[in-house]
C-alpha atoms as a PDB file:
ATOM      1  CA  MET A   1     -38.527-141.939 -68.079  1.00  0.00           C
ATOM      2  CA  ASP A   2     -35.007-140.428 -68.016  1.00  0.00           C
ATOM      3  CA  ASP A   3     -31.696-140.881 -66.092  1.00  0.00           C
ATOM      4  CA  ARG A   4     -32.758-137.829 -64.041  1.00  0.00           C
ATOM      5  CA  GLU A   5     -36.137-138.303 -62.724  1.00  0.00           C
ATOM      6  CA  PHE A   6     -35.251-142.063 -62.193  1.00  0.00           C
ATOM      7  CA  ARG A   7     -32.718-141.032 -59.570  1.00  0.00           C
ATOM      8  CA  ASN A   8     -34.959-137.790 -57.932  1.00  0.00           C
ATOM      9  CA  ALA A   9     -37.563-140.878 -57.551  1.00  0.00           C
ATOM     10  CA  MET A  10     -34.888-142.800 -55.837  1.00  0.00           C
ATOM     11  CA  GLY A  11     -33.736-140.358 -53.778  1.00  0.00           C
ATOM     12  CA  LYS A  12     -37.533-139.549 -51.779  1.00  0.00           C
ATOM     13  CA  PHE A  13     -36.336-142.986 -50.249  1.00  0.00           C
ATOM     14  CA  ALA A  14     -34.287-141.510 -46.574  1.00  0.00           C
ATOM     15  CA  THR A  15     -31.690-143.829 -46.114  1.00  0.00           C
ATOM     16  CA  GLY A  16     -28.764-143.583 -43.364  1.00  0.00           C
ATOM     17  CA  VAL A  17     -25.232-142.826 -44.941  1.00  0.00           C
ATOM     18  CA  THR A  18     -21.842-145.052 -44.408  1.00  0.00           C
ATOM     19  CA  VAL A  19     -18.402-144.791 -45.518  1.00  0.00           C
ATOM     20  CA  ILE A  20     -17.321-148.291 -46.545  1.00  0.00           C
ATOM     21  CA  THR A  21     -13.767-148.934 -46.056  1.00  0.00           C
ATOM     22  CA  THR A  22     -10.782-151.351 -47.250  1.00  0.00           C
ATOM     23  CA  LEU A  23      -6.695-152.031 -46.783  1.00  0.00           C
ATOM     24  CA  CYS A  24      -5.515-153.308 -50.249  1.00  0.00           C
ATOM     25  CA  ASP A  25      -1.487-152.735 -50.850  1.00  0.00           C
ATOM     26  CA  GLY A  26      -1.129-151.385 -47.635  1.00  0.00           C
ATOM     27  CA  GLU A  27      -3.545-148.329 -48.098  1.00  0.00           C
ATOM     28  CA  VAL A  28      -6.392-147.241 -46.740  1.00  0.00           C
ATOM     29  CA  HIS A  29      -9.282-146.597 -49.370  1.00  0.00           C
ATOM     30  CA  GLY A  30     -12.841-145.266 -48.337  1.00  0.00           C
ATOM     31  CA  MET A  31     -16.088-144.482 -50.061  1.00  0.00           C
ATOM     32  CA  THR A  32     -19.508-142.694 -48.991  1.00  0.00           C
ATOM     33  CA  ALA A  33     -22.248-144.998 -49.985  1.00  0.00           C
ATOM     34  CA  ASN A  34     -25.944-144.921 -48.827  1.00  0.00           C
ATOM     35  CA  ALA A  35     -26.448-148.382 -50.817  1.00  0.00           C
ATOM     36  CA  PHE A  36     -26.518-150.531 -48.091  1.00  0.00           C
ATOM     37  CA  MET A  37     -28.886-152.883 -46.361  1.00  0.00           C
ATOM     38  CA  SER A  38     -28.893-156.295 -43.698  1.00  0.00           C
ATOM     39  CA  VAL A  39     -29.393-159.359 -46.085  1.00  0.00           C
ATOM     40  CA  SER A  40     -29.752-162.376 -43.723  1.00  0.00           C
ATOM     41  CA  LEU A  41     -29.599-163.230 -40.168  1.00  0.00           C
ATOM     42  CA  ASN A  42     -28.245-166.647 -41.043  1.00  0.00           C
ATOM     43  CA  PRO A  43     -25.227-166.590 -42.360  1.00  0.00           C
ATOM     44  CA  LYS A  44     -25.126-162.649 -41.319  1.00  0.00           C
ATOM     45  CA  LEU A  45     -25.320-160.879 -44.696  1.00  0.00           C
ATOM     46  CA  VAL A  46     -25.403-157.597 -45.707  1.00  0.00           C
ATOM     47  CA  LEU A  47     -24.900-156.131 -49.061  1.00  0.00           C
ATOM     48  CA  ILE A  48     -23.357-152.556 -50.478  1.00  0.00           C
ATOM     49  CA  SER A  49     -23.924-151.183 -53.838  1.00  0.00           C
ATOM     50  CA  VAL A  50     -20.819-149.913 -55.622  1.00  0.00           C
ATOM     51  CA  GLY A  51     -20.452-148.234 -59.250  1.00  0.00           C
ATOM     52  CA  GLU A  52     -18.483-149.291 -61.991  1.00  0.00           C
ATOM     53  CA  LYS A  53     -16.613-146.088 -61.895  1.00  0.00           C
ATOM     54  CA  ALA A  54     -15.808-146.055 -58.321  1.00  0.00           C
ATOM     55  CA  ARG A  55     -11.882-146.720 -57.513  1.00  0.00           C
ATOM     56  CA  MET A  56     -13.613-148.970 -54.716  1.00  0.00           C
ATOM     57  CA  LEU A  57     -14.686-151.742 -56.801  1.00  0.00           C
ATOM     58  CA  GLU A  58     -11.420-152.721 -57.757  1.00  0.00           C
ATOM     59  CA  LYS A  59     -10.205-152.628 -54.112  1.00  0.00           C
ATOM     60  CA  ILE A  60     -13.018-154.719 -52.533  1.00  0.00           C
ATOM     61  CA  ARG A  61     -12.246-157.473 -55.723  1.00  0.00           C
ATOM     62  CA  GLU A  62      -9.105-157.706 -55.331  1.00  0.00           C
ATOM     63  CA  THR A  63      -8.833-158.116 -51.112  1.00  0.00           C
ATOM     64  CA  GLY A  64     -11.931-159.395 -50.964  1.00  0.00           C
ATOM     65  CA  ARG A  65     -12.744-157.684 -47.618  1.00  0.00           C
ATOM     66  CA  PHE A  66     -14.673-154.714 -46.686  1.00  0.00           C
ATOM     67  CA  ALA A  67     -16.243-152.724 -43.156  1.00  0.00           C
ATOM     68  CA  VAL A  68     -19.164-150.337 -43.195  1.00  0.00           C
ATOM     69  CA  ASN A  69     -19.423-147.431 -41.082  1.00  0.00           C
ATOM     70  CA  ILE A  70     -23.090-146.568 -40.266  1.00  0.00           C
ATOM     71  CA  LEU A  71     -22.317-142.495 -39.165  1.00  0.00           C
ATOM     72  CA  SER A  72     -23.442-140.153 -36.872  1.00  0.00           C
ATOM     73  CA  VAL A  73     -24.931-136.682 -37.433  1.00  0.00           C
ATOM     74  CA  GLU A  74     -21.322-135.160 -35.885  1.00  0.00           C
ATOM     75  CA  GLN A  75     -19.782-137.665 -39.026  1.00  0.00           C
ATOM     76  CA  ARG A  76     -21.296-135.264 -41.637  1.00  0.00           C
ATOM     77  CA  GLU A  77     -18.053-133.853 -43.087  1.00  0.00           C
ATOM     78  CA  LEU A  78     -16.290-137.925 -42.764  1.00  0.00           C
ATOM     79  CA  SER A  79     -19.077-138.209 -45.957  1.00  0.00           C
ATOM     80  CA  MET A  80     -18.174-135.249 -47.609  1.00  0.00           C
ATOM     81  CA  GLN A  81     -14.386-135.948 -47.643  1.00  0.00           C
ATOM     82  CA  PHE A  82     -14.997-139.688 -48.847  1.00  0.00           C
ATOM     83  CA  ALA A  83     -17.889-138.522 -51.294  1.00  0.00           C
ATOM     84  CA  GLY A  84     -15.375-135.999 -52.764  1.00  0.00           C
ATOM     85  CA  GLN A  85     -17.291-133.070 -52.243  1.00  0.00           C
ATOM     86  CA  LEU A  86     -14.607-131.117 -49.725  1.00  0.00           C
ATOM     87  CA  LYS A  87     -12.049-129.065 -51.669  1.00  0.00           C
ATOM     88  CA  GLU A  88      -9.226-129.838 -49.105  1.00  0.00           C
ATOM     89  CA  ASN A  89      -8.296-133.576 -48.178  1.00  0.00           C
ATOM     90  CA  ARG A  90      -8.329-133.912 -44.658  1.00  0.00           C
ATOM     91  CA  GLU A  91      -6.473-136.438 -43.008  1.00  0.00           C
ATOM     92  CA  VAL A  92      -8.536-139.360 -41.181  1.00  0.00           C
ATOM     93  CA  SER A  93      -7.532-141.328 -38.062  1.00  0.00           C
ATOM     94  CA  PHE A  94      -8.998-145.016 -38.340  1.00  0.00           C
ATOM     95  CA  ASP A  95      -9.531-148.079 -35.730  1.00  0.00           C
ATOM     96  CA  TRP A  96      -8.945-151.107 -36.892  1.00  0.00           C
ATOM     97  CA  LEU A  97     -11.029-153.786 -36.856  1.00  0.00           C
ATOM     98  CA  SER A  98     -10.343-157.585 -38.011  1.00  0.00           C
ATOM     99  CA  GLY A  99      -7.213-156.203 -39.573  1.00  0.00           C
ATOM    100  CA  LEU A 100      -9.511-153.938 -41.523  1.00  0.00           C
ATOM    101  CA  PRO A 101      -9.744-150.064 -41.107  1.00  0.00           C
ATOM    102  CA  VAL A 102     -12.895-148.498 -39.153  1.00  0.00           C
ATOM    103  CA  ILE A 103     -14.213-144.439 -38.822  1.00  0.00           C
ATOM    104  CA  PRO A 104     -13.787-144.352 -35.038  1.00  0.00           C
ATOM    105  CA  GLN A 105     -17.106-143.620 -33.196  1.00  0.00           C
ATOM    106  CA  ALA A 106     -19.162-144.277 -36.102  1.00  0.00           C
ATOM    107  CA  LEU A 107     -22.529-145.414 -34.841  1.00  0.00           C
ATOM    108  CA  VAL A 108     -21.907-148.914 -36.215  1.00  0.00           C
ATOM    109  CA  ASN A 109     -18.396-150.320 -37.108  1.00  0.00           C
ATOM    110  CA  LEU A 110     -18.556-153.946 -39.515  1.00  0.00           C
ATOM    111  CA  THR A 111     -16.241-155.884 -40.772  1.00  0.00           C
ATOM    112  CA  CYS A 112     -17.036-158.311 -43.706  1.00  0.00           C
ATOM    113  CA  ASN A 113     -15.788-160.977 -45.931  1.00  0.00           C
ATOM    114  CA  VAL A 114     -17.536-160.881 -49.612  1.00  0.00           C
ATOM    115  CA  TYR A 115     -19.488-163.926 -49.649  1.00  0.00           C
ATOM    116  CA  SER A 116     -20.652-163.599 -53.373  1.00  0.00           C
ATOM    117  CA  SER A 117     -21.194-160.623 -55.853  1.00  0.00           C
ATOM    118  CA  TYR A 118     -23.207-159.663 -58.838  1.00  0.00           C
ATOM    119  CA  GLU A 119     -22.647-157.681 -61.696  1.00  0.00           C
ATOM    120  CA  ALA A 120     -25.913-155.340 -62.244  1.00  0.00           C
ATOM    121  CA  GLY A 121     -26.431-152.496 -64.519  1.00  0.00           C
ATOM    122  CA  ASP A 122     -23.834-150.123 -63.702  1.00  0.00           C
ATOM    123  CA  HIS A 123     -23.050-151.260 -60.127  1.00  0.00           C
ATOM    124  CA  THR A 124     -22.007-154.397 -58.710  1.00  0.00           C
ATOM    125  CA  LEU A 125     -23.492-155.803 -55.294  1.00  0.00           C
ATOM    126  CA  TYR A 126     -21.379-156.968 -53.284  1.00  0.00           C
ATOM    127  CA  VAL A 127     -23.028-159.037 -50.050  1.00  0.00           C
ATOM    128  CA  GLY A 128     -20.615-159.217 -47.324  1.00  0.00           C
ATOM    129  CA  GLU A 129     -21.048-161.977 -44.345  1.00  0.00           C
ATOM    130  CA  VAL A 130     -20.252-159.854 -40.998  1.00  0.00           C
ATOM    131  CA  VAL A 131     -17.123-161.115 -39.398  1.00  0.00           C
ATOM    132  CA  GLU A 132     -17.197-158.613 -36.457  1.00  0.00           C
ATOM    133  CA  LEU A 133     -18.945-155.334 -35.144  1.00  0.00           C
ATOM    134  CA  ILE A 134     -19.201-152.712 -32.702  1.00  0.00           C
ATOM    135  CA  THR A 135     -22.213-150.745 -32.187  1.00  0.00           C
ATOM    136  CA  ARG A 136     -22.473-147.267 -30.071  1.00  0.00           C
ATOM    137  CA  GLU A 137     -25.316-144.958 -29.244  1.00  0.00           C
ATOM    138  CA  GLY A 138     -26.271-141.858 -31.194  1.00  0.00           C
ATOM    139  CA  GLU A 139     -28.523-139.811 -34.087  1.00  0.00           C
ATOM    140  CA  PRO A 140     -27.843-141.096 -37.369  1.00  0.00           C
ATOM    141  CA  LEU A 141     -26.449-139.230 -40.663  1.00  0.00           C
ATOM    142  CA  THR A 142     -29.798-139.268 -42.989  1.00  0.00           C
ATOM    143  CA  PHE A 143     -29.514-138.276 -46.767  1.00  0.00           C
ATOM    144  CA  PHE A 144     -32.970-137.658 -48.574  1.00  0.00           C
ATOM    145  CA  ALA A 145     -33.451-135.838 -52.021  1.00  0.00           C
ATOM    146  CA  GLY A 146     -29.896-135.281 -52.740  1.00  0.00           C
ATOM    147  CA  LYS A 147     -29.402-133.858 -49.237  1.00  0.00           C
ATOM    148  CA  TYR A 148     -28.050-134.575 -45.806  1.00  0.00           C
ATOM    149  CA  GLY A 149     -31.760-135.226 -43.893  1.00  0.00           C
ATOM    150  CA  ILE A 150     -32.792-133.359 -40.616  1.00  0.00           C
ATOM    151  CA  ASN A 151     -32.041-135.067 -37.778  1.00  0.00           C
ATOM    152  CA  VAL A 152     -34.938-136.514 -35.996  1.00  0.00           C
ATOM    153  CA  SER A 153     -34.906-137.430 -32.629  1.00  0.00           C
ATOM    154  CA  LEU A 154     -35.169-140.830 -31.158  1.00  0.00           C
ATOM    155  CA  ASP A 155     -36.676-139.943 -27.814  1.00  0.00           C
END
């Protein structure tokens, strides 16, 4: 199978959309990611996957900390901005949680300390131990087959 066929097949798995953030040398860094999952309840662990070419890889390696922001359907443009899909770079305001920048009004903001990391092919898997979290009600931003998903009512 070629890379495109594999990528298309993996795109058939609908996911939520997150923005991963960290603070490194006094500067906020962020990237859009849909490779996120819960790992363990005890301890409370989550996993993110960061590509070897992503600038975020070294930032998390340096700081040992990151935040995961699970986006709402209203935050599609933020997702696009952190994915480098917008022509203009817009100013983003952040809230702060456990000393890390988080996206205001995301469905979930959680902060993590790196628990472990694993190189896997052309990505690094970071397992983070959750330090603090905030949840809000709302409709999730989804991604399917290379496109933002159609909003499905939770009622």
